[in-house]
Amino acid sequence: MLLADDIDDLARAAARGEPGALDALLTAVRPEVLRLCGRLLPHREDAEEACQDALLAVARGIGRFEGRSSFHTWLYRLTANRARSTYRALRRRWQVETGGVPLPDPPDPRRTSVVAGTRLDLLDALDAVRPEAAEALTLRDLLGLPYPEIATLLDVPEGTVKSRVHQARRQVRERLTGD
């Protein structure tokens, strides 16, 4: 297993177009990307689909990795966005395939995994929040990035990140509790 510094070195090499660096980077980060997608999406198949989308986005976008933050921070942002996009696409597909029939009621915890139901509810609630606030909340609360790292990644002041996270938490809480 490669250390974070080794991953950062591989990412810089891949961004420069060095032969073999991108393949080595994608192989090294795939397990972590899948784990992150699994934290957001309740079904393994959906997490695997989001993982593939994220890895493809890494391959296509590695040339834009500037190194302002660590590669892992950049990867977390990209992965969170891809997982949320995968969820939205799956939800749209469900609506098309069922002829507009609304999504089922929230899962009954007596019959389903409470964790899975909670993640679906959270993803629905995040979709109702301004994208920049939802992104900050995802990076902070779901992926555990510290405020300074998020500020660097989003290129906004740390106070702005804290404000967005606070606002998103309030909106998500209202959405989840129905208040």
C-alpha atoms as a PDB file:
ATOM      1  CA  MET A   1       0.000   0.000   0.000  1.00  0.00           C
ATOM      2  CA  LEU A   2       1.303   3.422  -0.971  1.00  0.00           C
ATOM      3  CA  LEU A   3       1.589   6.293   1.502  1.00  0.00           C
ATOM      4  CA  ALA A   4      -0.148   9.632   0.916  1.00  0.00           C
ATOM      5  CA  ASP A   5       3.117  11.256  -0.182  1.00  0.00           C
ATOM      6  CA  ASP A   6       3.673   8.455  -2.698  1.00  0.00           C
ATOM      7  CA  ILE A   7       0.144   8.947  -4.045  1.00  0.00           C
ATOM      8  CA  ASP A   8       0.756  12.706  -4.356  1.00  0.00           C
ATOM      9  CA  ASP A   9       3.998  11.984  -6.260  1.00  0.00           C
ATOM     10  CA  LEU A  10       2.152   9.558  -8.559  1.00  0.00           C
ATOM     11  CA  ALA A  11      -0.596  12.136  -9.139  1.00  0.00           C
ATOM     12  CA  ARG A  12       1.931  14.813 -10.090  1.00  0.00           C
ATOM     13  CA  ALA A  13       3.661  12.348 -12.415  1.00  0.00           C
ATOM     14  CA  ALA A  14       0.325  11.416 -14.007  1.00  0.00           C
ATOM     15  CA  ALA A  15      -0.564  15.109 -14.396  1.00  0.00           C
ATOM     16  CA  ARG A  16       2.729  15.592 -16.255  1.00  0.00           C
ATOM     17  CA  GLY A  17       1.819  12.660 -18.518  1.00  0.00           C
ATOM     18  CA  GLU A  18       4.584  10.311 -17.403  1.00  0.00           C
ATOM     19  CA  PRO A  19       4.088   6.822 -18.894  1.00  0.00           C
ATOM     20  CA  GLY A  20       2.486   4.324 -16.549  1.00  0.00           C
ATOM     21  CA  ALA A  21       1.837   6.850 -13.779  1.00  0.00           C
ATOM     22  CA  LEU A  22      -1.896   7.181 -14.434  1.00  0.00           C
ATOM     23  CA  ASP A  23      -2.460   3.405 -14.458  1.00  0.00           C
ATOM     24  CA  ALA A  24      -0.484   3.031 -11.228  1.00  0.00           C
ATOM     25  CA  LEU A  25      -2.405   5.905  -9.645  1.00  0.00           C
ATOM     26  CA  LEU A  26      -5.823   4.523 -10.595  1.00  0.00           C
ATOM     27  CA  THR A  27      -4.872   1.076  -9.293  1.00  0.00           C
ATOM     28  CA  ALA A  28      -3.628   2.557  -6.026  1.00  0.00           C
ATOM     29  CA  VAL A  29      -6.685   4.726  -5.304  1.00  0.00           C
ATOM     30  CA  ARG A  30      -9.472   2.420  -6.519  1.00  0.00           C
ATOM     31  CA  PRO A  31     -10.077   0.729  -3.128  1.00  0.00           C
ATOM     32  CA  GLU A  32     -10.311   4.100  -1.398  1.00  0.00           C
ATOM     33  CA  VAL A  33     -12.630   5.529  -4.052  1.00  0.00           C
ATOM     34  CA  LEU A  34     -14.900   2.485  -3.743  1.00  0.00           C
ATOM     35  CA  ARG A  35     -14.933   2.845   0.057  1.00  0.00           C
ATOM     36  CA  LEU A  36     -15.868   6.537  -0.218  1.00  0.00           C
ATOM     37  CA  CYS A  37     -18.634   5.791  -2.725  1.00  0.00           C
ATOM     38  CA  GLY A  38     -19.894   3.077  -0.392  1.00  0.00           C
ATOM     39  CA  ARG A  39     -20.199   5.643   2.406  1.00  0.00           C
ATOM     40  CA  LEU A  40     -22.576   7.653   0.239  1.00  0.00           C
ATOM     41  CA  LEU A  41     -24.506   5.007  -1.694  1.00  0.00           C
ATOM     42  CA  PRO A  42     -26.340   2.187   0.070  1.00  0.00           C
ATOM     43  CA  HIS A  43     -25.976  -0.544  -2.546  1.00  0.00           C
ATOM     44  CA  ARG A  44     -22.618  -2.004  -3.542  1.00  0.00           C
ATOM     45  CA  GLU A  45     -23.493  -2.049  -7.248  1.00  0.00           C
ATOM     46  CA  ASP A  46     -24.312   1.661  -7.135  1.00  0.00           C
ATOM     47  CA  ALA A  47     -21.074   2.385  -5.269  1.00  0.00           C
ATOM     48  CA  GLU A  48     -19.142   0.414  -7.887  1.00  0.00           C
ATOM     49  CA  GLU A  49     -20.797   2.408 -10.683  1.00  0.00           C
ATOM     50  CA  ALA A  50     -19.919   5.682  -8.943  1.00  0.00           C
ATOM     51  CA  CYS A  51     -16.383   4.404  -8.363  1.00  0.00           C
ATOM     52  CA  GLN A  52     -15.930   3.723 -12.072  1.00  0.00           C
ATOM     53  CA  ASP A  53     -17.289   7.186 -12.904  1.00  0.00           C
ATOM     54  CA  ALA A  54     -14.913   8.768 -10.387  1.00  0.00           C
ATOM     55  CA  LEU A  55     -11.891   6.882 -11.716  1.00  0.00           C
ATOM     56  CA  LEU A  56     -12.796   7.882 -15.267  1.00  0.00           C
ATOM     57  CA  ALA A  57     -13.078  11.501 -14.106  1.00  0.00           C
ATOM     58  CA  VAL A  58      -9.647  11.214 -12.481  1.00  0.00           C
ATOM     59  CA  ALA A  59      -8.186   9.858 -15.728  1.00  0.00           C
ATOM     60  CA  ARG A  60      -9.772  12.627 -17.787  1.00  0.00           C
ATOM     61  CA  GLY A  61      -9.054  15.419 -15.319  1.00  0.00           C
ATOM     62  CA  ILE A  62      -5.632  14.569 -13.903  1.00  0.00           C
ATOM     63  CA  GLY A  63      -4.049  17.215 -16.097  1.00  0.00           C
ATOM     64  CA  ARG A  64      -6.063  19.826 -14.193  1.00  0.00           C
ATOM     65  CA  PHE A  65      -4.782  18.647 -10.805  1.00  0.00           C
ATOM     66  CA  GLU A  66      -2.805  21.687  -9.689  1.00  0.00           C
ATOM     67  CA  GLY A  67      -1.455  20.398  -6.402  1.00  0.00           C
ATOM     68  CA  ARG A  68      -2.931  23.307  -4.371  1.00  0.00           C
ATOM     69  CA  SER A  69      -4.252  20.701  -1.996  1.00  0.00           C
ATOM     70  CA  SER A  70      -3.238  17.094  -1.533  1.00  0.00           C
ATOM     71  CA  PHE A  71      -4.289  14.682  -4.239  1.00  0.00           C
ATOM     72  CA  HIS A  72      -6.523  12.900  -1.707  1.00  0.00           C
ATOM     73  CA  THR A  73      -8.431  16.105  -1.011  1.00  0.00           C
ATOM     74  CA  TRP A  74      -8.959  16.627  -4.751  1.00  0.00           C
ATOM     75  CA  LEU A  75      -9.934  12.967  -5.096  1.00  0.00           C
ATOM     76  CA  TYR A  76     -12.442  13.198  -2.226  1.00  0.00           C
ATOM     77  CA  ARG A  77     -14.170  16.165  -3.818  1.00  0.00           C
ATOM     78  CA  LEU A  78     -14.323  14.497  -7.208  1.00  0.00           C
ATOM     79  CA  THR A  79     -15.537  11.203  -5.696  1.00  0.00           C
ATOM     80  CA  ALA A  80     -18.258  12.850  -3.587  1.00  0.00           C
ATOM     81  CA  ASN A  81     -19.548  14.720  -6.612  1.00  0.00           C
ATOM     82  CA  ARG A  82     -19.555  11.558  -8.745  1.00  0.00           C
ATOM     83  CA  ALA A  83     -21.377   9.559  -6.062  1.00  0.00           C
ATOM     84  CA  ARG A  84     -24.052  12.245  -5.770  1.00  0.00           C
ATOM     85  CA  SER A  85     -24.330  12.405  -9.579  1.00  0.00           C
ATOM     86  CA  THR A  86     -24.687   8.628  -9.752  1.00  0.00           C
ATOM     87  CA  TYR A  87     -27.483   8.773  -7.176  1.00  0.00           C
ATOM     88  CA  ARG A  88     -29.319  11.467  -9.159  1.00  0.00           C
ATOM     89  CA  ALA A  89     -28.937   9.449 -12.382  1.00  0.00           C
ATOM     90  CA  LEU A  90     -30.229   6.293 -10.683  1.00  0.00           C
ATOM     91  CA  ARG A  91     -33.194   8.215  -9.284  1.00  0.00           C
ATOM     92  CA  ARG A  92     -34.015   9.627 -12.760  1.00  0.00           C
ATOM     93  CA  ARG A  93     -33.666   6.159 -14.292  1.00  0.00           C
ATOM     94  CA  TRP A  94     -36.072   4.791 -11.678  1.00  0.00           C
ATOM     95  CA  GLN A  95     -38.632   7.472 -12.518  1.00  0.00           C
ATOM     96  CA  VAL A  96     -38.359   6.824 -16.275  1.00  0.00           C
ATOM     97  CA  GLU A  97     -38.507   3.039 -15.944  1.00  0.00           C
ATOM     98  CA  THR A  98     -41.520   3.172 -13.634  1.00  0.00           C
ATOM     99  CA  GLY A  99     -43.412   5.608 -15.845  1.00  0.00           C
ATOM    100  CA  GLY A 100     -43.252   8.487 -13.380  1.00  0.00           C
ATOM    101  CA  VAL A 101     -44.384   6.478 -10.371  1.00  0.00           C
ATOM    102  CA  PRO A 102     -42.842   8.263  -7.388  1.00  0.00           C
ATOM    103  CA  LEU A 103     -40.051   6.688  -5.403  1.00  0.00           C
ATOM    104  CA  PRO A 104     -41.241   4.362  -2.672  1.00  0.00           C
ATOM    105  CA  ASP A 105     -41.875   5.738   0.778  1.00  0.00           C
ATOM    106  CA  PRO A 106     -38.829   5.958   3.016  1.00  0.00           C
ATOM    107  CA  PRO A 107     -37.702   2.482   4.033  1.00  0.00           C
ATOM    108  CA  ASP A 108     -39.321   0.930   7.066  1.00  0.00           C
ATOM    109  CA  PRO A 109     -36.464   0.331   9.531  1.00  0.00           C
ATOM    110  CA  ARG A 110     -38.183  -2.871  10.701  1.00  0.00           C
ATOM    111  CA  ARG A 111     -37.742  -4.367   7.232  1.00  0.00           C
ATOM    112  CA  THR A 112     -34.642  -2.683   5.814  1.00  0.00           C
ATOM    113  CA  SER A 113     -31.246  -1.474   6.828  1.00  0.00           C
ATOM    114  CA  VAL A 114     -31.588   1.745   8.801  1.00  0.00           C
ATOM    115  CA  VAL A 115     -28.216   2.823   7.425  1.00  0.00           C
ATOM    116  CA  ALA A 116     -29.322   2.333   3.828  1.00  0.00           C
ATOM    117  CA  GLY A 117     -32.546   4.251   4.404  1.00  0.00           C
ATOM    118  CA  THR A 118     -30.676   7.041   6.117  1.00  0.00           C
ATOM    119  CA  ARG A 119     -28.210   7.424   3.258  1.00  0.00           C
ATOM    120  CA  LEU A 120     -31.005   7.619   0.675  1.00  0.00           C
ATOM    121  CA  ASP A 121     -32.820  10.187   2.794  1.00  0.00           C
ATOM    122  CA  LEU A 122     -29.602  12.149   3.196  1.00  0.00           C
ATOM    123  CA  LEU A 123     -28.890  12.122  -0.542  1.00  0.00           C
ATOM    124  CA  ASP A 124     -32.433  13.339  -1.234  1.00  0.00           C
ATOM    125  CA  ALA A 125     -32.014  16.079   1.363  1.00  0.00           C
ATOM    126  CA  LEU A 126     -28.645  17.104  -0.091  1.00  0.00           C
ATOM    127  CA  ASP A 127     -30.269  17.494  -3.501  1.00  0.00           C
ATOM    128  CA  ALA A 128     -32.557  20.147  -1.997  1.00  0.00           C
ATOM    129  CA  VAL A 129     -29.595  22.215  -0.746  1.00  0.00           C
ATOM    130  CA  ARG A 130     -27.627  24.731  -2.835  1.00  0.00           C
ATOM    131  CA  PRO A 131     -24.857  22.777  -4.615  1.00  0.00           C
ATOM    132  CA  GLU A 132     -21.982  24.696  -3.006  1.00  0.00           C
ATOM    133  CA  ALA A 133     -23.443  24.159   0.466  1.00  0.00           C
ATOM    134  CA  ALA A 134     -24.137  20.472  -0.224  1.00  0.00           C
ATOM    135  CA  GLU A 135     -20.582  20.003  -1.447  1.00  0.00           C
ATOM    136  CA  ALA A 136     -19.111  21.636   1.672  1.00  0.00           C
ATOM    137  CA  LEU A 137     -21.325  19.502   3.927  1.00  0.00           C
ATOM    138  CA  THR A 138     -20.415  16.311   2.068  1.00  0.00           C
ATOM    139  CA  LEU A 139     -16.704  17.045   2.310  1.00  0.00           C
ATOM    140  CA  ARG A 140     -16.929  17.920   6.010  1.00  0.00           C
ATOM    141  CA  ASP A 141     -19.473  15.531   7.501  1.00  0.00           C
ATOM    142  CA  LEU A 142     -19.406  12.530   5.188  1.00  0.00           C
ATOM    143  CA  LEU A 143     -15.774  12.468   4.132  1.00  0.00           C
ATOM    144  CA  GLY A 144     -14.324  14.054   7.268  1.00  0.00           C
ATOM    145  CA  LEU A 145     -12.114  16.701   5.694  1.00  0.00           C
ATOM    146  CA  PRO A 146     -11.010  19.531   8.005  1.00  0.00           C
ATOM    147  CA  TYR A 147     -12.293  23.054   7.350  1.00  0.00           C
ATOM    148  CA  PRO A 148      -8.918  24.473   6.216  1.00  0.00           C
ATOM    149  CA  GLU A 149      -8.521  21.705   3.633  1.00  0.00           C
ATOM    150  CA  ILE A 150     -12.050  22.266   2.319  1.00  0.00           C
ATOM    151  CA  ALA A 151     -11.392  26.008   2.077  1.00  0.00           C
ATOM    152  CA  THR A 152      -8.254  25.384   0.039  1.00  0.00           C
ATOM    153  CA  LEU A 153     -10.008  22.884  -2.190  1.00  0.00           C
ATOM    154  CA  LEU A 154     -13.035  25.114  -2.833  1.00  0.00           C
ATOM    155  CA  ASP A 155     -10.875  28.252  -3.045  1.00  0.00           C
ATOM    156  CA  VAL A 156     -13.004  30.152  -0.520  1.00  0.00           C
ATOM    157  CA  PRO A 157     -12.252  31.488   2.970  1.00  0.00           C
ATOM    158  CA  GLU A 158     -12.571  29.049   5.862  1.00  0.00           C
ATOM    159  CA  GLY A 159     -15.397  31.166   7.307  1.00  0.00           C
ATOM    160  CA  THR A 160     -17.346  30.693   4.086  1.00  0.00           C
ATOM    161  CA  VAL A 161     -16.918  26.925   4.368  1.00  0.00           C
ATOM    162  CA  LYS A 162     -18.167  26.985   7.966  1.00  0.00           C
ATOM    163  CA  SER A 163     -21.138  29.110   6.945  1.00  0.00           C
ATOM    164  CA  ARG A 164     -22.021  26.771   4.068  1.00  0.00           C
ATOM    165  CA  VAL A 165     -21.730  23.701   6.285  1.00  0.00           C
ATOM    166  CA  HIS A 166     -23.908  25.315   8.963  1.00  0.00           C
ATOM    167  CA  GLN A 167     -26.518  26.354   6.405  1.00  0.00           C
ATOM    168  CA  ALA A 168     -26.542  22.927   4.758  1.00  0.00           C
ATOM    169  CA  ARG A 169     -26.816  21.116   8.113  1.00  0.00           C
ATOM    170  CA  ARG A 170     -29.820  23.249   9.032  1.00  0.00           C
ATOM    171  CA  GLN A 171     -31.537  22.643   5.677  1.00  0.00           C
ATOM    172  CA  VAL A 172     -30.792  18.912   5.695  1.00  0.00           C
ATOM    173  CA  ARG A 173     -32.026  18.595   9.295  1.00  0.00           C
ATOM    174  CA  GLU A 174     -35.271  20.371   8.371  1.00  0.00           C
ATOM    175  CA  ARG A 175     -35.715  18.125   5.366  1.00  0.00           C
ATOM    176  CA  LEU A 176     -35.026  14.924   7.327  1.00  0.00           C
ATOM    177  CA  THR A 177     -37.218  15.808  10.304  1.00  0.00           C
ATOM    178  CA  GLY A 178     -39.972  17.528   8.353  1.00  0.00           C
ATOM    179  CA  ASP A 179     -39.741  20.658  10.515  1.00  0.00           C
END
